[in-house]
Amino acid sequence: AGHSIIIHAFPGPATTPFNFVGTHGNGFLIASWAGPEKVPADPDAVRKAASSRLVESLAPFLIVANERVFLSYAWFYNVEDGYIPCKAGVECGMPSEWYPEFTRPLGPPKGPALRNGTIWTREFEHASAFVDLRDRTASRITWSG
């Protein structure tokens, strides 16, 4: 029957060390970013970055997705690190509403992923995924309808 796989993706080009954002008792952990771009330091900027960088992780996931592969997207592993929307007064790493990409209809894949050099693509009933392994920021999902 096989095994299930959970892919944990961090927003941005994650690396160590991990940093606490917020106030003592009301905050969350975030990963540092590799390269010259610095990870945001305040909670609102962190939540905005999680939203704006989502496709960099979601598109590669769609390339390999099947009924036994699942995506986990958050800054770290605790609930407040970005797994669910923040309720009022609680600092967490996810925006106050679900990512719109998670609620869009995807439909079944039209076939396996296709590779052309470092470019991977995959077509779904309602979306197309594009990933360039040389440039994670070039990843995109084009939704139909």
C-alpha atoms as a PDB file:
ATOM      1  CA  ALA A   1       0.000   0.000   0.000  1.00  0.00           C
ATOM      2  CA  GLY A   2       2.961   2.360   0.476  1.00  0.00           C
ATOM      3  CA  HIS A   3       3.745   5.094   2.941  1.00  0.00           C
ATOM      4  CA  SER A   4       2.466   8.617   3.323  1.00  0.00           C
ATOM      5  CA  ILE A   5       4.891  11.526   3.077  1.00  0.00           C
ATOM      6  CA  ILE A   6       4.513  14.937   4.702  1.00  0.00           C
ATOM      7  CA  ILE A   7       6.635  17.672   3.155  1.00  0.00           C
ATOM      8  CA  HIS A   8       7.322  20.470   5.642  1.00  0.00           C
ATOM      9  CA  ALA A   9       7.986  23.708   3.784  1.00  0.00           C
ATOM     10  CA  PHE A  10       9.164  26.906   5.436  1.00  0.00           C
ATOM     11  CA  PRO A  11       8.393  30.342   3.936  1.00  0.00           C
ATOM     12  CA  GLY A  12      11.375  31.652   1.974  1.00  0.00           C
ATOM     13  CA  PRO A  13      14.854  30.124   1.736  1.00  0.00           C
ATOM     14  CA  ALA A  14      14.821  28.801   5.306  1.00  0.00           C
ATOM     15  CA  THR A  15      17.939  28.071   7.306  1.00  0.00           C
ATOM     16  CA  THR A  16      19.057  28.186  10.942  1.00  0.00           C
ATOM     17  CA  PRO A  17      19.004  29.816  13.414  1.00  0.00           C
ATOM     18  CA  PHE A  18      15.369  30.094  14.425  1.00  0.00           C
ATOM     19  CA  ASN A  19      14.181  33.341  15.961  1.00  0.00           C
ATOM     20  CA  PHE A  20      11.327  34.241  18.287  1.00  0.00           C
ATOM     21  CA  VAL A  21       8.971  36.991  17.059  1.00  0.00           C
ATOM     22  CA  GLY A  22       6.497  38.733  19.364  1.00  0.00           C
ATOM     23  CA  THR A  23       6.433  39.300  23.083  1.00  0.00           C
ATOM     24  CA  HIS A  24       7.195  36.790  25.813  1.00  0.00           C
ATOM     25  CA  GLY A  25       4.256  34.387  26.033  1.00  0.00           C
ATOM     26  CA  ASN A  26       2.644  35.738  22.847  1.00  0.00           C
ATOM     27  CA  GLY A  27       4.804  34.925  19.869  1.00  0.00           C
ATOM     28  CA  PHE A  28       6.126  32.323  17.483  1.00  0.00           C
ATOM     29  CA  LEU A  29       9.310  30.922  15.932  1.00  0.00           C
ATOM     30  CA  ILE A  30      10.534  31.720  12.422  1.00  0.00           C
ATOM     31  CA  ALA A  31      13.452  30.384  10.429  1.00  0.00           C
ATOM     32  CA  SER A  32      16.203  32.687   9.239  1.00  0.00           C
ATOM     33  CA  TRP A  33      16.656  33.083   5.486  1.00  0.00           C
ATOM     34  CA  ALA A  34      19.731  32.051   3.522  1.00  0.00           C
ATOM     35  CA  GLY A  35      21.321  34.667   1.288  1.00  0.00           C
ATOM     36  CA  PRO A  36      21.318  38.450   1.383  1.00  0.00           C
ATOM     37  CA  GLU A  37      17.578  38.902   1.936  1.00  0.00           C
ATOM     38  CA  LYS A  38      16.773  39.210   5.628  1.00  0.00           C
ATOM     39  CA  VAL A  39      13.763  37.532   7.199  1.00  0.00           C
ATOM     40  CA  PRO A  40      11.179  40.047   8.439  1.00  0.00           C
ATOM     41  CA  ALA A  41      11.484  41.022  12.095  1.00  0.00           C
ATOM     42  CA  ASP A  42       8.001  42.159  13.131  1.00  0.00           C
ATOM     43  CA  PRO A  43       4.869  39.961  13.263  1.00  0.00           C
ATOM     44  CA  ASP A  44       2.913  41.801  10.545  1.00  0.00           C
ATOM     45  CA  ALA A  45       5.848  41.626   8.113  1.00  0.00           C
ATOM     46  CA  VAL A  46       6.332  37.923   8.932  1.00  0.00           C
ATOM     47  CA  ARG A  47       2.686  37.171   8.121  1.00  0.00           C
ATOM     48  CA  LYS A  48       2.918  39.162   4.888  1.00  0.00           C
ATOM     49  CA  ALA A  49       6.080  37.245   3.913  1.00  0.00           C
ATOM     50  CA  ALA A  50       4.375  33.903   4.626  1.00  0.00           C
ATOM     51  CA  SER A  51       1.596  34.887   2.198  1.00  0.00           C
ATOM     52  CA  SER A  52       3.817  36.343  -0.502  1.00  0.00           C
ATOM     53  CA  ARG A  53       6.251  33.391  -0.455  1.00  0.00           C
ATOM     54  CA  LEU A  54       3.637  30.601  -0.313  1.00  0.00           C
ATOM     55  CA  VAL A  55       3.777  29.764  -4.038  1.00  0.00           C
ATOM     56  CA  GLU A  56       7.536  29.094  -3.753  1.00  0.00           C
ATOM     57  CA  SER A  57       6.603  26.044  -1.653  1.00  0.00           C
ATOM     58  CA  LEU A  58       3.152  25.201  -3.003  1.00  0.00           C
ATOM     59  CA  ALA A  59       4.182  24.960  -6.683  1.00  0.00           C
ATOM     60  CA  PRO A  60       6.990  22.417  -6.029  1.00  0.00           C
ATOM     61  CA  PHE A  61       4.598  20.445  -3.830  1.00  0.00           C
ATOM     62  CA  LEU A  62       2.089  20.283  -6.699  1.00  0.00           C
ATOM     63  CA  ILE A  63       4.810  18.854  -8.956  1.00  0.00           C
ATOM     64  CA  VAL A  64       5.069  15.775  -6.686  1.00  0.00           C
ATOM     65  CA  ALA A  65       1.577  15.715  -5.140  1.00  0.00           C
ATOM     66  CA  ASN A  66      -0.439  12.525  -5.048  1.00  0.00           C
ATOM     67  CA  GLU A  67      -2.920  10.897  -2.684  1.00  0.00           C
ATOM     68  CA  ARG A  68      -0.118   9.984  -0.239  1.00  0.00           C
ATOM     69  CA  VAL A  69       1.937  13.217  -0.258  1.00  0.00           C
ATOM     70  CA  PHE A  70       0.881  16.100   1.986  1.00  0.00           C
ATOM     71  CA  LEU A  71       2.126  19.678   2.456  1.00  0.00           C
ATOM     72  CA  SER A  72       2.866  21.286   5.818  1.00  0.00           C
ATOM     73  CA  TYR A  73       3.579  25.028   5.464  1.00  0.00           C
ATOM     74  CA  ALA A  74       4.651  27.067   8.491  1.00  0.00           C
ATOM     75  CA  TRP A  75       7.648  28.876   9.975  1.00  0.00           C
ATOM     76  CA  PHE A  76       8.296  26.061  12.450  1.00  0.00           C
ATOM     77  CA  TYR A  77       6.373  23.148  14.011  1.00  0.00           C
ATOM     78  CA  ASN A  78       4.053  24.643  16.636  1.00  0.00           C
ATOM     79  CA  VAL A  79       0.477  25.708  15.841  1.00  0.00           C
ATOM     80  CA  GLU A  80       1.288  29.375  16.469  1.00  0.00           C
ATOM     81  CA  ASP A  81       4.184  29.189  13.999  1.00  0.00           C
ATOM     82  CA  GLY A  82       1.762  29.464  11.106  1.00  0.00           C
ATOM     83  CA  TYR A  83      -0.481  26.414  10.683  1.00  0.00           C
ATOM     84  CA  ILE A  84      -3.827  28.061  11.333  1.00  0.00           C
ATOM     85  CA  PRO A  85      -5.119  31.641  11.141  1.00  0.00           C
ATOM     86  CA  CYS A  86      -4.392  33.835  14.151  1.00  0.00           C
ATOM     87  CA  LYS A  87      -7.247  34.750  16.431  1.00  0.00           C
ATOM     88  CA  ALA A  88      -7.423  38.336  17.662  1.00  0.00           C
ATOM     89  CA  GLY A  89      -4.786  39.141  20.275  1.00  0.00           C
ATOM     90  CA  VAL A  90      -2.588  36.131  19.517  1.00  0.00           C
ATOM     91  CA  GLU A  91       0.651  36.580  17.624  1.00  0.00           C
ATOM     92  CA  CYS A  92       1.307  33.821  15.117  1.00  0.00           C
ATOM     93  CA  GLY A  93       3.105  33.326  11.827  1.00  0.00           C
ATOM     94  CA  MET A  94       0.053  33.001   9.583  1.00  0.00           C
ATOM     95  CA  PRO A  95      -2.303  35.722   8.376  1.00  0.00           C
ATOM     96  CA  SER A  96      -5.682  36.048  10.092  1.00  0.00           C
ATOM     97  CA  GLU A  97      -7.409  34.161   7.247  1.00  0.00           C
ATOM     98  CA  TRP A  98      -6.572  30.996   5.301  1.00  0.00           C
ATOM     99  CA  TYR A  99      -4.260  31.364   2.344  1.00  0.00           C
ATOM    100  CA  PRO A 100      -6.564  31.844  -0.689  1.00  0.00           C
ATOM    101  CA  GLU A 101      -4.497  29.311  -2.660  1.00  0.00           C
ATOM    102  CA  PHE A 102      -5.557  26.572  -0.228  1.00  0.00           C
ATOM    103  CA  THR A 103      -9.247  27.115  -0.992  1.00  0.00           C
ATOM    104  CA  ARG A 104      -9.042  27.322  -4.797  1.00  0.00           C
ATOM    105  CA  PRO A 105     -10.274  24.307  -6.778  1.00  0.00           C
ATOM    106  CA  LEU A 106      -7.343  22.285  -8.103  1.00  0.00           C
ATOM    107  CA  GLY A 107      -8.935  19.182  -9.556  1.00  0.00           C
ATOM    108  CA  PRO A 108      -7.108  15.979 -10.433  1.00  0.00           C
ATOM    109  CA  PRO A 109      -3.777  16.026 -12.274  1.00  0.00           C
ATOM    110  CA  LYS A 110      -4.023  15.660 -16.038  1.00  0.00           C
ATOM    111  CA  GLY A 111      -0.852  13.569 -15.957  1.00  0.00           C
ATOM    112  CA  PRO A 112       2.593  13.344 -14.358  1.00  0.00           C
ATOM    113  CA  ALA A 113       4.945  16.288 -13.982  1.00  0.00           C
ATOM    114  CA  LEU A 114       7.096  17.096 -17.010  1.00  0.00           C
ATOM    115  CA  ARG A 115      10.762  18.125 -16.869  1.00  0.00           C
ATOM    116  CA  ASN A 116      12.727  20.225 -19.349  1.00  0.00           C
ATOM    117  CA  GLY A 117      16.198  20.808 -17.899  1.00  0.00           C
ATOM    118  CA  THR A 118      15.649  22.573 -14.577  1.00  0.00           C
ATOM    119  CA  ILE A 119      12.037  23.465 -15.401  1.00  0.00           C
ATOM    120  CA  TRP A 120       9.205  21.305 -14.041  1.00  0.00           C
ATOM    121  CA  THR A 121       5.544  21.729 -14.954  1.00  0.00           C
ATOM    122  CA  ARG A 122       2.347  19.925 -14.131  1.00  0.00           C
ATOM    123  CA  GLU A 123      -1.216  20.430 -15.305  1.00  0.00           C
ATOM    124  CA  PHE A 124      -4.299  19.975 -13.143  1.00  0.00           C
ATOM    125  CA  GLU A 125      -7.954  20.293 -14.035  1.00  0.00           C
ATOM    126  CA  HIS A 126      -8.080  23.878 -12.702  1.00  0.00           C
ATOM    127  CA  ALA A 127      -4.430  24.983 -12.428  1.00  0.00           C
ATOM    128  CA  SER A 128      -0.926  24.746 -13.868  1.00  0.00           C
ATOM    129  CA  ALA A 129       2.213  24.563 -11.721  1.00  0.00           C
ATOM    130  CA  PHE A 130       5.617  25.858 -12.875  1.00  0.00           C
ATOM    131  CA  VAL A 131       8.936  25.432 -11.026  1.00  0.00           C
ATOM    132  CA  ASP A 132      12.438  26.471 -12.096  1.00  0.00           C
ATOM    133  CA  LEU A 133      14.950  24.730  -9.834  1.00  0.00           C
ATOM    134  CA  ARG A 134      17.475  27.515 -10.523  1.00  0.00           C
ATOM    135  CA  ASP A 135      15.155  30.226  -9.153  1.00  0.00           C
ATOM    136  CA  ARG A 136      12.595  29.401  -6.470  1.00  0.00           C
ATOM    137  CA  THR A 137      11.076  32.890  -6.790  1.00  0.00           C
ATOM    138  CA  ALA A 138      10.071  32.080 -10.387  1.00  0.00           C
ATOM    139  CA  SER A 139       7.666  29.381  -9.157  1.00  0.00           C
ATOM    140  CA  ARG A 140       4.072  30.063 -10.082  1.00  0.00           C
ATOM    141  CA  ILE A 141       0.601  28.579 -10.147  1.00  0.00           C
ATOM    142  CA  THR A 142      -1.811  29.690 -12.829  1.00  0.00           C
ATOM    143  CA  TRP A 143      -5.435  29.124 -11.854  1.00  0.00           C
ATOM    144  CA  SER A 144      -8.117  28.721 -14.500  1.00  0.00           C
ATOM    145  CA  GLY A 145     -11.546  30.245 -14.124  1.00  0.00           C
END
